[in-house]
Amino acid sequence: MSRVGTTSKNSWALFLLILAGIVLGGFIGFFAQDVPFLAWLNYGQEFGIGGADKSGLVRLNLGIIVISLGLTIKITIAGIIGVILAIIIYRRI
């Protein structure tokens, strides 16, 4: 019997758990930034592709609509904790 389907299913589960950990960690960091003793959770670095004015890497001006595409990633302490928790949860399941 082939275990190819099982392996890819587990990989997708890990990917989705890590993505959920990043998103939930980002939300927790964002909401904790105004709480004095939890502000450290929102500490992190932001980097991305696009202009300094956040106008995006690719800009398409159609006259009526202007479409800008870019990518910005913010890594915070809460996001890293969320990823670690997601990996621990994945190993326990």
C-alpha atoms as a PDB file:
ATOM      1  CA  MET A   1       0.000   0.000   0.000  1.00  0.00           C
ATOM      2  CA  SER A   2       1.152   3.488  -0.772  1.00  0.00           C
ATOM      3  CA  ARG A   3       1.264   6.134   1.954  1.00  0.00           C
ATOM      4  CA  VAL A   4       1.609   9.052  -0.457  1.00  0.00           C
ATOM      5  CA  GLY A   5      -1.875  10.371   0.283  1.00  0.00           C
ATOM      6  CA  THR A   6      -1.366  10.138   4.034  1.00  0.00           C
ATOM      7  CA  THR A   7       1.950  11.997   3.910  1.00  0.00           C
ATOM      8  CA  SER A   8       0.552  14.851   1.833  1.00  0.00           C
ATOM      9  CA  LYS A   9      -2.513  15.052   4.085  1.00  0.00           C
ATOM     10  CA  ASN A  10      -0.284  15.395   7.141  1.00  0.00           C
ATOM     11  CA  SER A  11       1.810  18.031   5.387  1.00  0.00           C
ATOM     12  CA  TRP A  12      -1.315  20.037   4.620  1.00  0.00           C
ATOM     13  CA  ALA A  13      -2.475  19.718   8.220  1.00  0.00           C
ATOM     14  CA  LEU A  14       0.894  21.015   9.443  1.00  0.00           C
ATOM     15  CA  PHE A  15       0.799  23.885   6.942  1.00  0.00           C
ATOM     16  CA  LEU A  16      -2.716  24.891   7.994  1.00  0.00           C
ATOM     17  CA  LEU A  17      -1.865  24.690  11.698  1.00  0.00           C
ATOM     18  CA  ILE A  18       1.235  26.851  11.211  1.00  0.00           C
ATOM     19  CA  LEU A  19      -0.792  29.360   9.183  1.00  0.00           C
ATOM     20  CA  ALA A  20      -3.424  29.460  11.934  1.00  0.00           C
ATOM     21  CA  GLY A  21      -0.677  29.951  14.532  1.00  0.00           C
ATOM     22  CA  ILE A  22       0.742  32.898  12.583  1.00  0.00           C
ATOM     23  CA  VAL A  23      -2.663  34.536  12.185  1.00  0.00           C
ATOM     24  CA  LEU A  24      -3.759  34.017  15.796  1.00  0.00           C
ATOM     25  CA  GLY A  25      -0.358  35.138  17.069  1.00  0.00           C
ATOM     26  CA  GLY A  26      -0.624  38.273  14.949  1.00  0.00           C
ATOM     27  CA  PHE A  27      -4.072  39.045  16.346  1.00  0.00           C
ATOM     28  CA  ILE A  28      -2.902  38.491  19.924  1.00  0.00           C
ATOM     29  CA  GLY A  29       0.138  40.710  19.340  1.00  0.00           C
ATOM     30  CA  PHE A  30      -2.003  43.440  17.783  1.00  0.00           C
ATOM     31  CA  PHE A  31      -4.528  43.467  20.612  1.00  0.00           C
ATOM     32  CA  ALA A  32      -1.822  43.228  23.289  1.00  0.00           C
ATOM     33  CA  GLN A  33       0.151  46.255  22.056  1.00  0.00           C
ATOM     34  CA  ASP A  34      -1.850  48.676  24.228  1.00  0.00           C
ATOM     35  CA  VAL A  35      -1.550  46.577  27.409  1.00  0.00           C
ATOM     36  CA  PRO A  36       1.638  47.722  29.199  1.00  0.00           C
ATOM     37  CA  PHE A  37       2.799  44.341  30.507  1.00  0.00           C
ATOM     38  CA  LEU A  38       1.937  42.519  27.224  1.00  0.00           C
ATOM     39  CA  ALA A  39       3.305  45.067  24.741  1.00  0.00           C
ATOM     40  CA  TRP A  40       6.404  42.909  24.187  1.00  0.00           C
ATOM     41  CA  LEU A  41       4.240  40.382  22.308  1.00  0.00           C
ATOM     42  CA  ASN A  42       3.865  42.848  19.420  1.00  0.00           C
ATOM     43  CA  TYR A  43       7.609  43.503  19.153  1.00  0.00           C
ATOM     44  CA  GLY A  44       8.929  42.409  15.785  1.00  0.00           C
ATOM     45  CA  GLN A  45      10.224  43.292  12.367  1.00  0.00           C
ATOM     46  CA  GLU A  46       8.316  44.241   9.231  1.00  0.00           C
ATOM     47  CA  PHE A  47       9.714  43.713   5.760  1.00  0.00           C
ATOM     48  CA  GLY A  48       8.361  43.327   2.278  1.00  0.00           C
ATOM     49  CA  ILE A  49       8.397  44.066  -1.414  1.00  0.00           C
ATOM     50  CA  GLY A  50       7.117  47.419  -2.555  1.00  0.00           C
ATOM     51  CA  GLY A  51       7.885  51.104  -2.336  1.00  0.00           C
ATOM     52  CA  ALA A  52       8.697  53.025   0.827  1.00  0.00           C
ATOM     53  CA  ASP A  53       5.299  54.704   0.537  1.00  0.00           C
ATOM     54  CA  LYS A  54       3.564  51.283   0.500  1.00  0.00           C
ATOM     55  CA  SER A  55       2.351  51.897  -3.055  1.00  0.00           C
ATOM     56  CA  GLY A  56       3.222  48.347  -4.065  1.00  0.00           C
ATOM     57  CA  LEU A  57       5.696  46.686  -6.382  1.00  0.00           C
ATOM     58  CA  VAL A  58       3.409  46.583  -9.407  1.00  0.00           C
ATOM     59  CA  ARG A  59       1.033  49.438 -10.115  1.00  0.00           C
ATOM     60  CA  LEU A  60      -1.628  49.299 -12.804  1.00  0.00           C
ATOM     61  CA  ASN A  61      -3.449  52.570 -13.506  1.00  0.00           C
ATOM     62  CA  LEU A  62      -6.643  52.006 -15.488  1.00  0.00           C
ATOM     63  CA  GLY A  63      -7.909  55.566 -15.213  1.00  0.00           C
ATOM     64  CA  ILE A  64     -10.839  54.780 -12.954  1.00  0.00           C
ATOM     65  CA  ILE A  65      -9.163  52.108 -10.854  1.00  0.00           C
ATOM     66  CA  VAL A  66      -5.555  51.912  -9.667  1.00  0.00           C
ATOM     67  CA  ILE A  67      -4.361  48.438  -8.683  1.00  0.00           C
ATOM     68  CA  SER A  68      -1.197  48.072  -6.581  1.00  0.00           C
ATOM     69  CA  LEU A  69       0.361  44.729  -5.711  1.00  0.00           C
ATOM     70  CA  GLY A  70       2.987  44.171  -3.034  1.00  0.00           C
ATOM     71  CA  LEU A  71       3.824  41.991  -0.076  1.00  0.00           C
ATOM     72  CA  THR A  72       4.576  42.951   3.511  1.00  0.00           C
ATOM     73  CA  ILE A  73       5.309  40.489   6.304  1.00  0.00           C
ATOM     74  CA  LYS A  74       5.482  41.363   9.998  1.00  0.00           C
ATOM     75  CA  ILE A  75       7.104  38.806  12.269  1.00  0.00           C
ATOM     76  CA  THR A  76       6.276  39.332  15.954  1.00  0.00           C
ATOM     77  CA  ILE A  77       7.025  37.493  19.176  1.00  0.00           C
ATOM     78  CA  ALA A  78       3.359  36.443  19.426  1.00  0.00           C
ATOM     79  CA  GLY A  79       3.499  35.059  15.868  1.00  0.00           C
ATOM     80  CA  ILE A  80       6.590  33.003  16.687  1.00  0.00           C
ATOM     81  CA  ILE A  81       4.894  31.663  19.836  1.00  0.00           C
ATOM     82  CA  GLY A  82       1.845  30.800  17.709  1.00  0.00           C
ATOM     83  CA  VAL A  83       3.990  28.832  15.238  1.00  0.00           C
ATOM     84  CA  ILE A  84       5.714  26.941  18.070  1.00  0.00           C
ATOM     85  CA  LEU A  85       2.349  26.076  19.637  1.00  0.00           C
ATOM     86  CA  ALA A  86       1.012  24.944  16.246  1.00  0.00           C
ATOM     87  CA  ILE A  87       3.971  22.575  15.789  1.00  0.00           C
ATOM     88  CA  ILE A  88       3.486  21.179  19.323  1.00  0.00           C
ATOM     89  CA  ILE A  89      -0.232  20.649  18.645  1.00  0.00           C
ATOM     90  CA  TYR A  90       0.581  18.929  15.328  1.00  0.00           C
ATOM     91  CA  ARG A  91       2.977  16.517  17.043  1.00  0.00           C
ATOM     92  CA  ARG A  92       0.367  15.664  19.693  1.00  0.00           C
ATOM     93  CA  ILE A  93      -2.362  14.816  17.171  1.00  0.00           C
END
